[in-house]
Every structure is written in structure tokens, then in C-alpha cells.
Amino acid sequence: MPKRTWQKLSAGVAAKGHRFYDWAVIDLTDPRPGSRQLLIQRVFDPVHRLGWSDW
């Protein structure tokens, strides 16, 4: 995905400070209200790379 697709946002404050992640949203169908989108989280912390989440 192109670099412009990603946005770095804080997921909140944790015990060691803010947790920043890169987020991207991709339209899976028509970009109309009620359409489906895919939300992707990119993590650079090696500890968090050991698992994954499906929301």
C-alpha cells in the first residue's frame, strides 16, 4: 500500500505512555454510506508482532 494510505494515531495512554500505531482504511465496495471497509493496523513493536487480532 502507498505511504499516503497510512495515518499514525495514538491508541491511548498505557503504562509506558502513548501507544502509536499506523492505521489504513480501504473501501471494499462502493464508497457509499453503508459500504464495507477494511481497517488495518500496522505495528512496529516486535513484541506485538507475535499475535494478531480479528475485530
C-alpha atoms as a PDB file:
ATOM      1  CA  MET A   1       0.000   0.000   0.000  1.00  0.00           C
ATOM      2  CA  PRO A   2       1.200   3.533  -0.684  1.00  0.00           C
ATOM      3  CA  LYS A   3       2.684   5.513   2.220  1.00  0.00           C
ATOM      4  CA  ARG A   4      -0.099   8.115   1.932  1.00  0.00           C
ATOM      5  CA  THR A   5      -2.628   5.415   2.868  1.00  0.00           C
ATOM      6  CA  TRP A   6      -1.272   5.141   6.437  1.00  0.00           C
ATOM      7  CA  GLN A   7      -2.037   7.510   9.337  1.00  0.00           C
ATOM      8  CA  LYS A   8      -0.128   7.382  12.633  1.00  0.00           C
ATOM      9  CA  LEU A   9      -2.579   7.690  15.543  1.00  0.00           C
ATOM     10  CA  SER A  10      -2.419   7.064  19.267  1.00  0.00           C
ATOM     11  CA  ALA A  11      -4.480   4.141  20.558  1.00  0.00           C
ATOM     12  CA  GLY A  12      -4.431   5.719  24.019  1.00  0.00           C
ATOM     13  CA  VAL A  13      -2.165   6.072  27.002  1.00  0.00           C
ATOM     14  CA  ALA A  14      -0.734   2.894  28.507  1.00  0.00           C
ATOM     15  CA  ALA A  15       1.600   2.278  31.438  1.00  0.00           C
ATOM     16  CA  LYS A  16       4.613   3.340  29.353  1.00  0.00           C
ATOM     17  CA  GLY A  17       2.984   6.274  27.558  1.00  0.00           C
ATOM     18  CA  HIS A  18       1.088   6.623  24.311  1.00  0.00           C
ATOM     19  CA  ARG A  19       0.849   3.635  22.006  1.00  0.00           C
ATOM     20  CA  PHE A  20       1.165   4.807  18.411  1.00  0.00           C
ATOM     21  CA  TYR A  21       0.108   2.636  15.510  1.00  0.00           C
ATOM     22  CA  ASP A  22      -0.268   3.178  11.789  1.00  0.00           C
ATOM     23  CA  TRP A  23      -3.828   2.760  10.501  1.00  0.00           C
ATOM     24  CA  ALA A  24      -5.242   2.402   6.987  1.00  0.00           C
ATOM     25  CA  VAL A  25      -8.832   2.132   5.753  1.00  0.00           C
ATOM     26  CA  ILE A  26      -9.647   0.502   2.424  1.00  0.00           C
ATOM     27  CA  ASP A  27     -13.064   0.554   0.743  1.00  0.00           C
ATOM     28  CA  LEU A  28     -14.035  -2.999  -0.210  1.00  0.00           C
ATOM     29  CA  THR A  29     -17.070  -1.965  -2.271  1.00  0.00           C
ATOM     30  CA  ASP A  30     -18.592   1.315  -3.430  1.00  0.00           C
ATOM     31  CA  PRO A  31     -17.558   4.232  -1.160  1.00  0.00           C
ATOM     32  CA  ARG A  32     -21.234   4.953  -0.361  1.00  0.00           C
ATOM     33  CA  PRO A  33     -22.781   5.035   3.123  1.00  0.00           C
ATOM     34  CA  GLY A  34     -23.324   1.502   4.357  1.00  0.00           C
ATOM     35  CA  SER A  35     -20.496   0.048   2.283  1.00  0.00           C
ATOM     36  CA  ARG A  36     -17.854  -2.262   3.737  1.00  0.00           C
ATOM     37  CA  GLN A  37     -14.364  -1.170   4.692  1.00  0.00           C
ATOM     38  CA  LEU A  38     -11.237  -2.910   5.913  1.00  0.00           C
ATOM     39  CA  LEU A  39      -9.369  -1.339   8.856  1.00  0.00           C
ATOM     40  CA  ILE A  40      -5.688  -2.336   9.030  1.00  0.00           C
ATOM     41  CA  GLN A  41      -3.363  -1.709  11.965  1.00  0.00           C
ATOM     42  CA  ARG A  42       0.396  -1.747  11.405  1.00  0.00           C
ATOM     43  CA  VAL A  43       2.596  -2.280  14.489  1.00  0.00           C
ATOM     44  CA  PHE A  44       6.364  -1.753  14.622  1.00  0.00           C
ATOM     45  CA  ASP A  45       6.916  -3.110  18.139  1.00  0.00           C
ATOM     46  CA  PRO A  46       8.475  -6.619  17.836  1.00  0.00           C
ATOM     47  CA  VAL A  47       6.608  -7.798  20.952  1.00  0.00           C
ATOM     48  CA  HIS A  48       3.230  -7.069  19.322  1.00  0.00           C
ATOM     49  CA  ARG A  49       4.149  -8.875  16.106  1.00  0.00           C
ATOM     50  CA  LEU A  50       3.764 -12.247  17.792  1.00  0.00           C
ATOM     51  CA  GLY A  51      -0.023 -12.236  17.521  1.00  0.00           C
ATOM     52  CA  TRP A  52      -2.904 -10.773  15.604  1.00  0.00           C
ATOM     53  CA  SER A  53      -6.462  -9.582  16.285  1.00  0.00           C
ATOM     54  CA  ASP A  54      -9.641 -10.023  14.318  1.00  0.00           C
ATOM     55  CA  TRP A  55     -12.269  -7.432  15.322  1.00  0.00           C
END
